[in-house]
């Protein structure tokens, strides 16, 4: 059975791991954020900066070539990876350039500002099929899943042996994923719990308060 937690406006303090004096950035994980498009460079940049501020040692943003310079200018500690685009958003070859970089990462996030074009869809599908790395999917990654109905069967189900996959929809995105009305909180919580249980996911339904659905164990 799935479990649901409700996050209040006053969460408990984060447990920050102790850092040895001899530690360096390579000890604290590599995070790769994937997203962005022309006109929406800020969303992937802010996500990447958040990863830096919450303790990730090395953070890279994989973005369409057309916004590479813009994203690189947001923060001096942020690394950037340019991927093939069509002048606006990711193009189909982007996944081929990206996939060989994944094994070096401790965690991957995908979706902010990406749009729902075919290049982005190829990336999301490839990430869902790769179950050995922790994955967070947000924003347009969720819209791509909904548009393609990829959660209607079990091909992207995760077992306890697989790395975690976390979805972070707002109510509108969850409605597109499950059909549960964004205006019906109870229906959304139930739908999130059912989806989390069926596919072995963790789902954070953003709002005030936020709800977290996960499979027991």
N, C-alpha and C. Protein backbone atom coordinates (compact mmCIF):
# COMPACT_ATOMS: atom_id res chain seq x y z
N UNK A 1 0.84 -1.19 0.00
CA UNK A 1 0.00 0.00 0.00
C UNK A 1 0.88 1.25 0.00
N UNK A 2 0.45 2.30 -0.70
CA UNK A 2 1.23 3.53 -0.73
C UNK A 2 1.09 4.30 0.57
N UNK A 3 2.02 5.19 0.81
CA UNK A 3 1.96 6.07 1.96
C UNK A 3 1.87 7.51 1.48
N UNK A 4 1.25 8.36 2.29
CA UNK A 4 1.13 9.77 1.99
C UNK A 4 1.61 10.57 3.19
N UNK A 5 2.42 11.57 2.95
CA UNK A 5 2.80 12.52 3.98
C UNK A 5 2.38 13.91 3.54
N UNK A 6 1.96 14.72 4.49
CA UNK A 6 1.62 16.11 4.23
C UNK A 6 2.70 16.99 4.83
N UNK A 7 3.30 17.85 4.01
CA UNK A 7 4.36 18.73 4.47
C UNK A 7 3.77 20.05 4.92
N UNK A 8 3.96 20.39 6.19
CA UNK A 8 3.45 21.65 6.73
C UNK A 8 4.32 22.80 6.24
N UNK A 9 3.92 24.01 6.65
CA UNK A 9 4.70 25.18 6.26
C UNK A 9 5.95 25.33 7.12
N UNK A 10 6.08 24.53 8.18
CA UNK A 10 7.25 24.59 9.05
C UNK A 10 7.93 23.23 9.10
N UNK A 11 8.70 22.89 8.06
CA UNK A 11 9.32 21.57 8.00
C UNK A 11 10.40 21.42 9.06
N UNK A 12 10.72 20.18 9.43
CA UNK A 12 11.83 19.98 10.37
C UNK A 12 13.14 20.42 9.73
N UNK A 13 14.13 20.76 10.55
CA UNK A 13 15.41 21.19 9.98
C UNK A 13 16.03 20.11 9.10
N UNK A 14 16.68 20.53 8.03
CA UNK A 14 17.39 19.58 7.19
C UNK A 14 18.58 19.00 7.94
N UNK A 15 18.82 17.71 7.74
CA UNK A 15 20.00 17.08 8.34
C UNK A 15 21.18 17.27 7.39
N UNK A 16 22.05 18.18 7.71
CA UNK A 16 23.21 18.47 6.87
C UNK A 16 24.36 17.56 7.30
N UNK A 17 24.85 16.70 6.41
CA UNK A 17 25.95 15.81 6.79
C UNK A 17 27.20 16.60 7.20
N UNK A 18 27.92 16.04 8.16
CA UNK A 18 29.18 16.64 8.58
C UNK A 18 30.18 16.60 7.43
N UNK A 19 30.92 17.67 7.26
CA UNK A 19 31.93 17.74 6.21
C UNK A 19 33.32 17.82 6.84
N UNK A 20 34.15 16.87 6.48
CA UNK A 20 35.51 16.85 7.00
C UNK A 20 36.31 18.04 6.46
N UNK A 21 37.27 18.50 7.25
CA UNK A 21 38.09 19.63 6.83
C UNK A 21 38.89 19.32 5.57
N UNK A 22 39.17 18.05 5.35
CA UNK A 22 39.97 17.65 4.19
C UNK A 22 39.12 17.39 2.95
N UNK A 23 37.79 17.54 3.07
CA UNK A 23 36.90 17.22 1.95
C UNK A 23 37.02 18.27 0.84
N UNK A 24 36.64 17.87 -0.36
CA UNK A 24 36.63 18.79 -1.50
C UNK A 24 35.36 18.55 -2.31
N UNK A 25 35.15 19.36 -3.33
CA UNK A 25 33.90 19.32 -4.08
C UNK A 25 33.61 17.95 -4.68
N UNK A 26 34.64 17.19 -5.00
CA UNK A 26 34.43 15.87 -5.57
C UNK A 26 33.84 14.87 -4.62
N UNK A 27 33.83 15.20 -3.31
CA UNK A 27 33.26 14.30 -2.31
C UNK A 27 31.75 14.46 -2.15
N UNK A 28 31.16 15.46 -2.78
CA UNK A 28 29.78 15.79 -2.48
C UNK A 28 28.83 15.65 -3.66
N UNK A 29 29.22 14.81 -4.59
CA UNK A 29 28.28 14.42 -5.62
C UNK A 29 28.25 15.31 -6.85
N UNK A 30 28.03 14.66 -7.97
CA UNK A 30 27.84 15.36 -9.24
C UNK A 30 26.35 15.34 -9.60
N UNK A 31 25.81 16.48 -9.90
CA UNK A 31 24.40 16.60 -10.28
C UNK A 31 24.32 17.19 -11.68
N UNK A 32 23.47 16.59 -12.50
CA UNK A 32 23.24 17.07 -13.86
C UNK A 32 21.79 17.50 -13.99
N UNK A 33 21.56 18.74 -14.37
CA UNK A 33 20.23 19.27 -14.63
C UNK A 33 20.06 19.45 -16.13
N UNK A 34 18.92 19.01 -16.67
CA UNK A 34 18.69 19.02 -18.11
C UNK A 34 17.42 19.81 -18.40
N UNK A 35 17.52 20.80 -19.25
CA UNK A 35 16.32 21.57 -19.59
C UNK A 35 16.67 22.87 -20.27
N UNK A 36 15.69 23.77 -20.26
CA UNK A 36 15.86 25.08 -20.86
C UNK A 36 15.51 25.11 -22.34
N UNK A 37 15.20 26.29 -22.81
CA UNK A 37 14.93 26.55 -24.23
C UNK A 37 15.03 28.06 -24.42
N UNK A 38 14.99 28.51 -25.67
CA UNK A 38 15.06 29.95 -25.91
C UNK A 38 13.87 30.63 -25.23
N UNK A 39 14.17 31.64 -24.42
CA UNK A 39 13.13 32.34 -23.68
C UNK A 39 12.85 31.75 -22.31
N UNK A 40 13.39 30.57 -22.01
CA UNK A 40 13.18 29.93 -20.71
C UNK A 40 14.50 29.39 -20.15
N UNK A 41 15.53 30.22 -20.24
CA UNK A 41 16.83 29.84 -19.69
C UNK A 41 16.85 29.94 -18.17
N UNK A 42 16.03 30.83 -17.62
CA UNK A 42 16.07 31.08 -16.18
C UNK A 42 15.68 29.89 -15.34
N UNK A 43 14.71 29.10 -15.81
CA UNK A 43 14.22 28.00 -14.99
C UNK A 43 15.28 26.94 -14.76
N UNK A 44 16.01 26.57 -15.79
CA UNK A 44 17.05 25.56 -15.62
C UNK A 44 18.24 26.15 -14.87
N UNK A 45 18.51 27.44 -15.05
CA UNK A 45 19.59 28.08 -14.30
C UNK A 45 19.28 28.12 -12.81
N UNK A 46 18.05 28.48 -12.45
CA UNK A 46 17.67 28.54 -11.04
C UNK A 46 17.70 27.15 -10.40
N UNK A 47 17.26 26.14 -11.14
CA UNK A 47 17.31 24.77 -10.61
C UNK A 47 18.75 24.35 -10.34
N UNK A 48 19.64 24.71 -11.25
CA UNK A 48 21.04 24.35 -11.09
C UNK A 48 21.68 25.09 -9.91
N UNK A 49 21.35 26.36 -9.77
CA UNK A 49 21.87 27.13 -8.64
C UNK A 49 21.35 26.57 -7.33
N UNK A 50 20.09 26.13 -7.30
CA UNK A 50 19.54 25.51 -6.09
C UNK A 50 20.33 24.26 -5.71
N UNK A 51 20.73 23.47 -6.70
CA UNK A 51 21.54 22.28 -6.42
C UNK A 51 22.87 22.67 -5.80
N UNK A 52 23.48 23.74 -6.29
CA UNK A 52 24.72 24.23 -5.69
C UNK A 52 24.51 24.68 -4.25
N UNK A 53 23.44 25.42 -4.01
CA UNK A 53 23.20 26.00 -2.69
C UNK A 53 22.81 24.94 -1.66
N UNK A 54 22.31 23.80 -2.10
CA UNK A 54 21.93 22.75 -1.16
C UNK A 54 23.02 21.71 -0.97
N UNK A 55 24.21 21.98 -1.47
CA UNK A 55 25.35 21.17 -1.10
C UNK A 55 25.95 20.27 -2.14
N UNK A 56 25.42 20.24 -3.35
CA UNK A 56 26.02 19.41 -4.39
C UNK A 56 27.42 19.92 -4.72
N UNK A 57 28.36 19.00 -4.87
CA UNK A 57 29.73 19.41 -5.08
C UNK A 57 30.01 19.96 -6.46
N UNK A 58 29.47 19.30 -7.49
CA UNK A 58 29.68 19.70 -8.88
C UNK A 58 28.34 19.66 -9.59
N UNK A 59 27.95 20.76 -10.17
CA UNK A 59 26.65 20.86 -10.84
C UNK A 59 26.85 21.31 -12.28
N UNK A 60 26.23 20.59 -13.20
CA UNK A 60 26.27 20.96 -14.61
C UNK A 60 24.85 21.09 -15.14
N UNK A 61 24.64 22.05 -16.01
CA UNK A 61 23.36 22.23 -16.70
C UNK A 61 23.54 21.85 -18.16
N UNK A 62 22.79 20.86 -18.61
CA UNK A 62 22.79 20.47 -20.02
C UNK A 62 21.64 21.19 -20.70
N UNK A 63 21.97 22.06 -21.64
CA UNK A 63 20.98 22.96 -22.23
C UNK A 63 21.16 23.01 -23.74
N UNK A 64 20.14 23.49 -24.46
CA UNK A 64 20.32 23.70 -25.90
C UNK A 64 21.46 24.68 -26.16
N UNK A 65 22.20 24.44 -27.22
CA UNK A 65 23.33 25.32 -27.56
C UNK A 65 22.94 26.78 -27.63
N UNK A 66 21.71 27.06 -28.05
CA UNK A 66 21.29 28.44 -28.28
C UNK A 66 21.19 29.26 -26.99
N UNK A 67 21.14 28.61 -25.82
CA UNK A 67 21.07 29.36 -24.56
C UNK A 67 22.28 29.08 -23.67
N UNK A 68 23.29 28.41 -24.20
CA UNK A 68 24.44 28.03 -23.38
C UNK A 68 25.09 29.23 -22.71
N UNK A 69 25.39 30.27 -23.45
CA UNK A 69 26.07 31.43 -22.89
C UNK A 69 25.21 32.12 -21.84
N UNK A 70 23.92 32.17 -22.07
CA UNK A 70 23.01 32.81 -21.12
C UNK A 70 23.03 32.07 -19.79
N UNK A 71 22.89 30.74 -19.83
CA UNK A 71 22.85 29.95 -18.60
C UNK A 71 24.20 29.99 -17.89
N UNK A 72 25.29 29.94 -18.64
CA UNK A 72 26.62 29.98 -18.03
C UNK A 72 26.86 31.26 -17.25
N UNK A 73 26.19 32.34 -17.64
CA UNK A 73 26.39 33.61 -16.98
C UNK A 73 25.66 33.78 -15.67
N UNK A 74 24.82 32.82 -15.30
CA UNK A 74 24.04 32.96 -14.07
C UNK A 74 24.88 32.75 -12.81
N UNK A 75 25.89 31.89 -12.86
CA UNK A 75 26.65 31.57 -11.64
C UNK A 75 28.04 31.06 -12.03
N UNK A 76 29.09 31.58 -11.39
CA UNK A 76 30.44 31.18 -11.79
C UNK A 76 30.78 29.73 -11.47
N UNK A 77 30.07 29.10 -10.53
CA UNK A 77 30.37 27.71 -10.17
C UNK A 77 29.59 26.70 -11.00
N UNK A 78 28.71 27.18 -11.86
CA UNK A 78 27.86 26.29 -12.65
C UNK A 78 28.57 25.89 -13.95
N UNK A 79 28.70 24.59 -14.17
CA UNK A 79 29.23 24.09 -15.43
C UNK A 79 28.09 23.94 -16.43
N UNK A 80 28.40 24.03 -17.70
CA UNK A 80 27.36 23.93 -18.73
C UNK A 80 27.78 22.95 -19.82
N UNK A 81 26.78 22.30 -20.38
CA UNK A 81 26.96 21.36 -21.48
C UNK A 81 25.98 21.76 -22.58
N UNK A 82 26.48 22.09 -23.74
CA UNK A 82 25.62 22.45 -24.86
C UNK A 82 25.22 21.22 -25.66
N UNK A 83 23.94 21.11 -25.95
CA UNK A 83 23.42 19.99 -26.74
C UNK A 83 22.74 20.51 -28.00
N UNK A 84 22.65 19.66 -29.01
CA UNK A 84 22.08 20.06 -30.29
C UNK A 84 20.67 20.59 -30.17
N UNK A 85 20.38 21.63 -30.94
CA UNK A 85 19.05 22.23 -30.89
C UNK A 85 18.58 22.61 -32.29
N UNK A 86 17.34 23.07 -32.36
CA UNK A 86 16.77 23.51 -33.63
C UNK A 86 16.69 25.03 -33.70
N UNK A 87 17.47 25.70 -32.86
CA UNK A 87 17.43 27.15 -32.76
C UNK A 87 16.56 27.64 -31.63
N UNK A 88 15.73 26.77 -31.06
CA UNK A 88 14.83 27.13 -29.98
C UNK A 88 14.91 26.16 -28.80
N UNK A 89 14.99 24.86 -29.09
CA UNK A 89 14.87 23.81 -28.07
C UNK A 89 15.70 22.60 -28.49
N UNK A 90 15.77 21.60 -27.60
CA UNK A 90 16.53 20.40 -27.91
C UNK A 90 16.07 19.76 -29.22
N UNK A 91 17.02 19.30 -30.02
CA UNK A 91 16.73 18.53 -31.22
C UNK A 91 16.98 17.05 -30.93
N UNK A 92 16.52 16.19 -31.83
CA UNK A 92 16.63 14.75 -31.61
C UNK A 92 18.04 14.27 -31.28
N UNK A 93 19.11 14.78 -31.93
CA UNK A 93 20.45 14.27 -31.63
C UNK A 93 20.95 14.59 -30.23
N UNK A 94 20.25 15.43 -29.47
CA UNK A 94 20.72 15.82 -28.14
C UNK A 94 20.92 14.61 -27.23
N UNK A 95 20.01 13.64 -27.30
CA UNK A 95 20.11 12.47 -26.44
C UNK A 95 21.39 11.68 -26.71
N UNK A 96 21.77 11.56 -27.97
CA UNK A 96 22.98 10.81 -28.31
C UNK A 96 24.22 11.46 -27.69
N UNK A 97 24.23 12.77 -27.63
CA UNK A 97 25.36 13.49 -27.02
C UNK A 97 25.33 13.40 -25.50
N UNK A 98 24.14 13.25 -24.95
CA UNK A 98 23.97 13.30 -23.50
C UNK A 98 24.17 11.96 -22.82
N UNK A 99 23.74 10.88 -23.43
CA UNK A 99 23.60 9.61 -22.70
C UNK A 99 24.92 9.07 -22.16
N UNK A 100 26.02 9.32 -22.85
CA UNK A 100 27.30 8.81 -22.37
C UNK A 100 27.84 9.58 -21.17
N UNK A 101 27.24 10.71 -20.86
CA UNK A 101 27.67 11.50 -19.71
C UNK A 101 26.96 11.10 -18.42
N UNK A 102 25.93 10.29 -18.51
CA UNK A 102 25.07 10.05 -17.35
C UNK A 102 25.74 9.22 -16.27
N UNK A 103 26.57 8.28 -16.64
CA UNK A 103 27.13 7.36 -15.65
C UNK A 103 28.02 8.06 -14.63
N UNK A 104 28.52 9.23 -14.95
CA UNK A 104 29.39 9.96 -14.02
C UNK A 104 28.61 10.74 -12.98
N UNK A 105 27.28 10.76 -13.08
CA UNK A 105 26.46 11.61 -12.22
C UNK A 105 25.97 10.84 -10.99
N UNK A 106 25.80 11.58 -9.88
CA UNK A 106 25.19 11.00 -8.68
C UNK A 106 23.68 11.12 -8.72
N UNK A 107 23.17 12.11 -9.43
CA UNK A 107 21.73 12.31 -9.56
C UNK A 107 21.46 13.19 -10.77
N UNK A 108 20.26 13.06 -11.32
CA UNK A 108 19.88 13.79 -12.53
C UNK A 108 18.51 14.42 -12.31
N UNK A 109 18.36 15.66 -12.76
CA UNK A 109 17.06 16.32 -12.78
C UNK A 109 16.76 16.77 -14.19
N UNK A 110 15.49 16.72 -14.58
CA UNK A 110 15.14 17.04 -15.96
C UNK A 110 13.77 17.68 -16.04
N UNK A 111 13.65 18.70 -16.91
CA UNK A 111 12.34 19.23 -17.23
C UNK A 111 12.18 20.73 -17.24
N UNK A 112 12.78 21.49 -16.31
CA UNK A 112 12.49 22.92 -16.26
C UNK A 112 12.78 23.65 -17.58
N UNK A 113 11.77 24.33 -18.10
CA UNK A 113 11.94 25.16 -19.29
C UNK A 113 12.24 24.42 -20.57
N UNK A 114 12.04 23.11 -20.61
CA UNK A 114 12.52 22.30 -21.73
C UNK A 114 11.62 22.36 -22.95
N UNK A 115 10.36 22.65 -22.78
CA UNK A 115 9.29 22.52 -23.77
C UNK A 115 9.02 21.04 -24.04
N UNK A 116 8.05 20.75 -24.87
CA UNK A 116 7.63 19.36 -25.07
C UNK A 116 7.90 18.87 -26.49
N UNK A 117 8.92 19.40 -27.13
CA UNK A 117 9.25 18.99 -28.49
C UNK A 117 9.84 17.59 -28.55
N UNK A 118 10.03 17.07 -29.76
CA UNK A 118 10.52 15.69 -29.92
C UNK A 118 11.91 15.46 -29.36
N UNK A 119 12.79 16.46 -29.41
CA UNK A 119 14.12 16.29 -28.83
C UNK A 119 14.06 16.09 -27.32
N UNK A 120 13.23 16.88 -26.66
CA UNK A 120 13.04 16.71 -25.22
C UNK A 120 12.39 15.39 -24.89
N UNK A 121 11.43 14.97 -25.71
CA UNK A 121 10.75 13.70 -25.47
C UNK A 121 11.73 12.53 -25.55
N UNK A 122 12.65 12.58 -26.49
CA UNK A 122 13.66 11.51 -26.60
C UNK A 122 14.53 11.46 -25.35
N UNK A 123 14.87 12.61 -24.81
CA UNK A 123 15.67 12.66 -23.58
C UNK A 123 14.90 12.06 -22.41
N UNK A 124 13.65 12.46 -22.22
CA UNK A 124 12.86 11.96 -21.09
C UNK A 124 12.65 10.46 -21.20
N UNK A 125 12.35 9.98 -22.38
CA UNK A 125 12.15 8.54 -22.55
C UNK A 125 13.43 7.77 -22.22
N UNK A 126 14.57 8.29 -22.67
CA UNK A 126 15.84 7.64 -22.37
C UNK A 126 16.15 7.62 -20.89
N UNK A 127 15.85 8.72 -20.19
CA UNK A 127 16.10 8.77 -18.75
C UNK A 127 15.20 7.82 -17.99
N UNK A 128 13.94 7.72 -18.37
CA UNK A 128 13.02 6.81 -17.70
C UNK A 128 13.47 5.36 -17.84
N UNK A 129 14.05 5.05 -18.98
CA UNK A 129 14.50 3.67 -19.21
C UNK A 129 15.78 3.34 -18.46
N UNK A 130 16.51 4.36 -18.03
CA UNK A 130 17.78 4.15 -17.32
C UNK A 130 17.50 4.19 -15.83
N UNK A 131 17.46 3.03 -15.20
CA UNK A 131 16.94 2.92 -13.84
C UNK A 131 18.02 2.80 -12.77
N UNK A 132 19.27 3.04 -13.14
CA UNK A 132 20.36 2.87 -12.18
C UNK A 132 20.87 4.18 -11.58
N UNK A 133 20.23 5.31 -11.92
CA UNK A 133 20.62 6.59 -11.36
C UNK A 133 19.40 7.30 -10.78
N UNK A 134 19.55 7.94 -9.61
CA UNK A 134 18.44 8.72 -9.05
C UNK A 134 18.01 9.81 -10.03
N UNK A 135 16.69 9.96 -10.17
CA UNK A 135 16.14 10.85 -11.20
C UNK A 135 15.00 11.67 -10.62
N UNK A 136 15.02 12.98 -10.89
CA UNK A 136 13.92 13.87 -10.54
C UNK A 136 13.36 14.44 -11.83
N UNK A 137 12.05 14.31 -12.02
CA UNK A 137 11.38 14.82 -13.21
C UNK A 137 10.38 15.90 -12.81
N UNK A 138 10.45 17.04 -13.50
CA UNK A 138 9.63 18.19 -13.16
C UNK A 138 9.13 18.84 -14.45
N UNK A 139 8.15 19.70 -14.31
CA UNK A 139 7.76 20.63 -15.38
C UNK A 139 7.51 19.92 -16.71
N UNK A 140 8.21 20.33 -17.77
CA UNK A 140 7.91 19.79 -19.10
C UNK A 140 8.26 18.31 -19.24
N UNK A 141 9.14 17.78 -18.40
CA UNK A 141 9.36 16.33 -18.43
C UNK A 141 8.06 15.61 -18.08
N UNK A 142 7.31 16.15 -17.12
CA UNK A 142 6.02 15.56 -16.74
C UNK A 142 4.99 15.75 -17.84
N UNK A 143 5.00 16.91 -18.47
CA UNK A 143 4.06 17.16 -19.57
C UNK A 143 4.32 16.22 -20.75
N UNK A 144 5.59 15.93 -21.01
CA UNK A 144 5.93 14.98 -22.07
C UNK A 144 5.40 13.60 -21.74
N UNK A 145 5.57 13.16 -20.50
CA UNK A 145 5.06 11.85 -20.08
C UNK A 145 3.55 11.80 -20.27
N UNK A 146 2.85 12.86 -19.85
CA UNK A 146 1.39 12.88 -19.99
C UNK A 146 0.97 12.86 -21.45
N UNK A 147 1.63 13.64 -22.29
CA UNK A 147 1.26 13.70 -23.71
C UNK A 147 1.44 12.36 -24.41
N UNK A 148 2.44 11.60 -23.99
CA UNK A 148 2.73 10.32 -24.63
C UNK A 148 2.12 9.13 -23.90
N UNK A 149 1.44 9.39 -22.78
CA UNK A 149 0.76 8.35 -22.00
C UNK A 149 1.72 7.22 -21.61
N UNK A 150 2.93 7.59 -21.22
CA UNK A 150 3.96 6.59 -20.93
C UNK A 150 3.73 5.85 -19.62
N UNK A 151 2.86 6.37 -18.75
CA UNK A 151 2.61 5.68 -17.48
C UNK A 151 1.36 4.81 -17.53
N UNK A 152 0.83 4.57 -18.71
CA UNK A 152 -0.38 3.75 -18.82
C UNK A 152 -0.09 2.26 -18.67
N UNK A 153 1.17 1.87 -18.86
CA UNK A 153 1.55 0.47 -18.67
C UNK A 153 2.73 0.41 -17.71
N UNK A 154 3.35 -0.73 -17.58
CA UNK A 154 4.38 -0.91 -16.57
C UNK A 154 5.81 -0.86 -17.07
N UNK A 155 6.03 -0.37 -18.30
CA UNK A 155 7.40 -0.46 -18.82
C UNK A 155 8.38 0.44 -18.09
N UNK A 156 7.91 1.47 -17.41
CA UNK A 156 8.81 2.34 -16.65
C UNK A 156 8.68 2.12 -15.14
N UNK A 157 8.11 1.00 -14.75
CA UNK A 157 7.99 0.67 -13.33
C UNK A 157 9.38 0.50 -12.70
N UNK A 158 9.51 0.95 -11.46
CA UNK A 158 10.78 0.82 -10.73
C UNK A 158 10.60 -0.17 -9.58
N UNK A 159 11.56 -1.06 -9.45
CA UNK A 159 11.57 -2.00 -8.34
C UNK A 159 12.40 -1.43 -7.20
N UNK A 160 12.38 -2.12 -6.05
CA UNK A 160 13.16 -1.65 -4.91
C UNK A 160 14.65 -1.70 -5.19
N UNK A 161 15.06 -2.51 -6.15
CA UNK A 161 16.48 -2.60 -6.51
C UNK A 161 16.93 -1.45 -7.40
N UNK A 162 15.98 -0.73 -7.99
CA UNK A 162 16.31 0.39 -8.88
C UNK A 162 16.55 1.66 -8.09
N UNK A 163 17.22 2.62 -8.71
CA UNK A 163 17.39 3.93 -8.10
C UNK A 163 16.05 4.66 -8.03
N UNK A 164 15.96 5.60 -7.12
CA UNK A 164 14.71 6.33 -6.91
C UNK A 164 14.37 7.20 -8.12
N UNK A 165 13.08 7.31 -8.39
CA UNK A 165 12.57 8.26 -9.38
C UNK A 165 11.51 9.12 -8.70
N UNK A 166 11.73 10.43 -8.69
CA UNK A 166 10.85 11.37 -8.00
C UNK A 166 10.20 12.29 -9.01
N UNK A 167 8.87 12.38 -8.95
CA UNK A 167 8.12 13.33 -9.77
C UNK A 167 7.69 14.49 -8.89
N UNK A 168 7.76 15.72 -9.42
CA UNK A 168 7.41 16.89 -8.61
C UNK A 168 6.37 17.75 -9.31
N UNK A 169 5.16 17.23 -9.53
CA UNK A 169 4.14 18.00 -10.26
C UNK A 169 3.45 19.04 -9.39
N UNK A 170 3.06 20.16 -9.99
CA UNK A 170 2.06 21.01 -9.37
C UNK A 170 0.69 20.43 -9.74
N UNK A 171 -0.40 20.92 -9.16
CA UNK A 171 -1.70 20.28 -9.40
C UNK A 171 -2.10 20.19 -10.87
N UNK A 172 -1.75 21.19 -11.68
CA UNK A 172 -2.08 21.11 -13.10
C UNK A 172 -1.33 20.01 -13.81
N UNK A 173 -0.06 19.85 -13.49
CA UNK A 173 0.72 18.77 -14.09
C UNK A 173 0.23 17.41 -13.64
N UNK A 174 -0.16 17.30 -12.36
CA UNK A 174 -0.69 16.03 -11.88
C UNK A 174 -2.01 15.70 -12.55
N UNK A 175 -2.83 16.71 -12.81
CA UNK A 175 -4.08 16.47 -13.54
C UNK A 175 -3.80 15.90 -14.92
N UNK A 176 -2.80 16.44 -15.60
CA UNK A 176 -2.46 15.92 -16.92
C UNK A 176 -1.92 14.49 -16.85
N UNK A 177 -1.22 14.16 -15.76
CA UNK A 177 -0.66 12.82 -15.61
C UNK A 177 -1.72 11.78 -15.25
N UNK A 178 -2.68 12.17 -14.41
CA UNK A 178 -3.60 11.18 -13.83
C UNK A 178 -5.07 11.39 -14.17
N UNK A 179 -5.43 12.60 -14.60
CA UNK A 179 -6.84 12.91 -14.83
C UNK A 179 -7.54 13.46 -13.61
N UNK A 180 -6.91 13.42 -12.44
CA UNK A 180 -7.53 13.94 -11.22
C UNK A 180 -7.56 15.46 -11.26
N UNK A 181 -8.73 16.05 -11.02
CA UNK A 181 -8.90 17.49 -11.14
C UNK A 181 -7.96 18.26 -10.23
N UNK A 182 -7.37 19.32 -10.78
CA UNK A 182 -6.48 20.18 -10.00
C UNK A 182 -7.23 20.89 -8.88
N UNK A 183 -8.56 20.94 -8.96
CA UNK A 183 -9.37 21.61 -7.94
C UNK A 183 -9.80 20.66 -6.82
N UNK A 184 -9.53 19.38 -6.96
CA UNK A 184 -9.97 18.37 -5.99
C UNK A 184 -8.74 17.80 -5.29
N UNK A 185 -8.40 18.36 -4.14
CA UNK A 185 -7.19 17.95 -3.44
C UNK A 185 -7.23 16.48 -3.06
N UNK A 186 -8.36 16.02 -2.53
CA UNK A 186 -8.46 14.63 -2.11
C UNK A 186 -8.25 13.68 -3.29
N UNK A 187 -8.85 14.01 -4.43
CA UNK A 187 -8.70 13.16 -5.61
C UNK A 187 -7.25 13.16 -6.09
N UNK A 188 -6.60 14.31 -6.00
CA UNK A 188 -5.20 14.37 -6.42
C UNK A 188 -4.29 13.55 -5.51
N UNK A 189 -4.53 13.64 -4.21
CA UNK A 189 -3.72 12.86 -3.27
C UNK A 189 -3.91 11.37 -3.52
N UNK A 190 -5.15 10.96 -3.73
CA UNK A 190 -5.43 9.55 -4.02
C UNK A 190 -4.77 9.11 -5.32
N UNK A 191 -4.87 9.94 -6.36
CA UNK A 191 -4.28 9.59 -7.65
C UNK A 191 -2.76 9.49 -7.56
N UNK A 192 -2.15 10.42 -6.81
CA UNK A 192 -0.69 10.38 -6.63
C UNK A 192 -0.27 9.11 -5.90
N UNK A 193 -1.03 8.74 -4.87
CA UNK A 193 -0.71 7.52 -4.12
C UNK A 193 -0.83 6.28 -4.99
N UNK A 194 -1.86 6.23 -5.80
CA UNK A 194 -2.06 5.06 -6.66
C UNK A 194 -0.95 4.95 -7.70
N UNK A 195 -0.56 6.09 -8.30
CA UNK A 195 0.50 6.08 -9.30
C UNK A 195 1.84 5.70 -8.67
N UNK A 196 2.12 6.25 -7.49
CA UNK A 196 3.36 5.93 -6.80
C UNK A 196 3.45 4.44 -6.50
N UNK A 197 2.33 3.87 -6.05
CA UNK A 197 2.31 2.44 -5.71
C UNK A 197 2.46 1.58 -6.96
N UNK A 198 1.78 1.94 -8.02
CA UNK A 198 1.76 1.10 -9.22
C UNK A 198 3.12 1.07 -9.92
N UNK A 199 3.83 2.20 -9.94
CA UNK A 199 5.08 2.28 -10.69
C UNK A 199 6.32 2.38 -9.82
N UNK A 200 6.16 2.32 -8.49
CA UNK A 200 7.33 2.37 -7.62
C UNK A 200 8.02 3.72 -7.60
N UNK A 201 7.24 4.80 -7.65
CA UNK A 201 7.76 6.16 -7.71
C UNK A 201 7.56 6.88 -6.38
N UNK A 202 8.23 8.01 -6.23
CA UNK A 202 7.91 8.99 -5.20
C UNK A 202 7.35 10.21 -5.91
N UNK A 203 6.22 10.72 -5.41
CA UNK A 203 5.57 11.85 -6.06
C UNK A 203 5.35 12.96 -5.04
N UNK A 204 5.91 14.13 -5.31
CA UNK A 204 5.73 15.30 -4.47
C UNK A 204 4.73 16.22 -5.17
N UNK A 205 3.52 16.29 -4.63
CA UNK A 205 2.49 17.15 -5.20
C UNK A 205 2.65 18.52 -4.56
N UNK A 206 3.17 19.47 -5.33
CA UNK A 206 3.51 20.77 -4.78
C UNK A 206 2.26 21.59 -4.49
N UNK A 207 2.30 22.34 -3.41
CA UNK A 207 1.17 23.19 -3.06
C UNK A 207 1.32 23.66 -1.63
N UNK A 208 0.24 24.17 -1.09
CA UNK A 208 0.25 24.59 0.30
C UNK A 208 -0.87 23.95 1.07
N UNK A 209 -0.63 22.86 1.77
CA UNK A 209 0.65 22.17 1.93
C UNK A 209 0.96 21.25 0.75
N UNK A 210 2.20 20.79 0.69
CA UNK A 210 2.59 19.78 -0.29
C UNK A 210 2.30 18.39 0.25
N UNK A 211 2.09 17.44 -0.66
CA UNK A 211 1.82 16.05 -0.28
C UNK A 211 2.86 15.17 -0.95
N UNK A 212 3.37 14.20 -0.21
CA UNK A 212 4.38 13.27 -0.72
C UNK A 212 3.80 11.87 -0.72
N UNK A 213 3.75 11.26 -1.88
CA UNK A 213 3.25 9.89 -2.02
C UNK A 213 4.42 8.98 -2.37
N UNK A 214 4.51 7.85 -1.68
CA UNK A 214 5.59 6.92 -1.97
C UNK A 214 5.13 5.51 -1.63
N UNK A 215 5.80 4.56 -2.22
CA UNK A 215 5.48 3.17 -1.97
C UNK A 215 6.15 2.73 -0.67
N UNK A 216 5.42 2.04 0.19
CA UNK A 216 5.99 1.59 1.47
C UNK A 216 7.25 0.79 1.24
N UNK A 217 8.23 1.00 2.07
CA UNK A 217 9.47 0.25 1.98
C UNK A 217 10.54 1.01 1.23
